[in-house]
């Protein structure tokens, strides 16, 4: 089968790079819940085959190997973080020190996904769920089927046509309120339910899409502190900025699909400061910024904050 190479790159994560635990693509990305007990996807699903060897993504020690609720699970502790792998029949014993790339078991059936079998890979620090892809290299090469590559191209062209049509009717987002414009872009999908352009089903769109050329500067919408910067399969290069208490709410802004960012967790940023550049990483069909706003941990319509309302 013919294949097309798609390169995904950006600024390096703060943690050391590791290796992929399985050779297949990520089919379900990291989508942590807004609250610890809420709905979400607390890891990533990697496509594979029953019996395929699973390896450790980073150096560590095996701290669990056995069944949990009837499913085989392996846990590896990496310093203050721990990876969980299921369903994986262990080939290592508890207490075994492993290096990145060492086999830890074989993939079993039992995790529902669009492939023959899938590895559910989780990562935690204490009780906090982290993006497992932060353990692997910042730049990756993925092999996509020829049909998949063509479909992405067609969707990108359709999105560009939609953005052009919307431009004359809607015009640029002109924020002059609590939040400054995060980028120079045309308004595409708004906050609310929409028919997803990739999955072809109705889903909640928890932000707004601003379209422009890849490489368009992205800036901080308000003063704040970077609380997260990393890569995940759905959002691509993701940035979260905490703005503290604003108008009686604990406010955060979230940037998705960038080419990369020039800030790191812990950095203080000022309103209008350059933080990155627009891209099309993750589940994206064209160059744009998905910009969302959280008030007290809940997604709200960004346009209200951009308009000062």
Foldseek 3Di string as FASTA:
>chain_A
DDWDKDKAAADAAPDDAFDFQADAAWQAKFFAALDLPDDTQLETKGADAFFAWGWARAWFFWADFQDDPRATKTWTDDPQKIKIKTNFHAPDDGGDTHGGPHTGGTYHADDDDPHNHIITMWMDRVSRTDYPNSHHTRMDMHIDDPVVVVLLQVLLVVQVVQQVVQCVVPNWQQFDAQWGDQFTFGWGDFFAWDQDSPPRHIDGQLEIKGDDAWFTWTAGRAKFFWADFDAMQAFGTKTKTFDQADPNWGKIKMKGAHSYFPDHGGDIHHHGHTTGTWHAGHPGSHTIIGMWMDTNSHTDGVSCRRHND
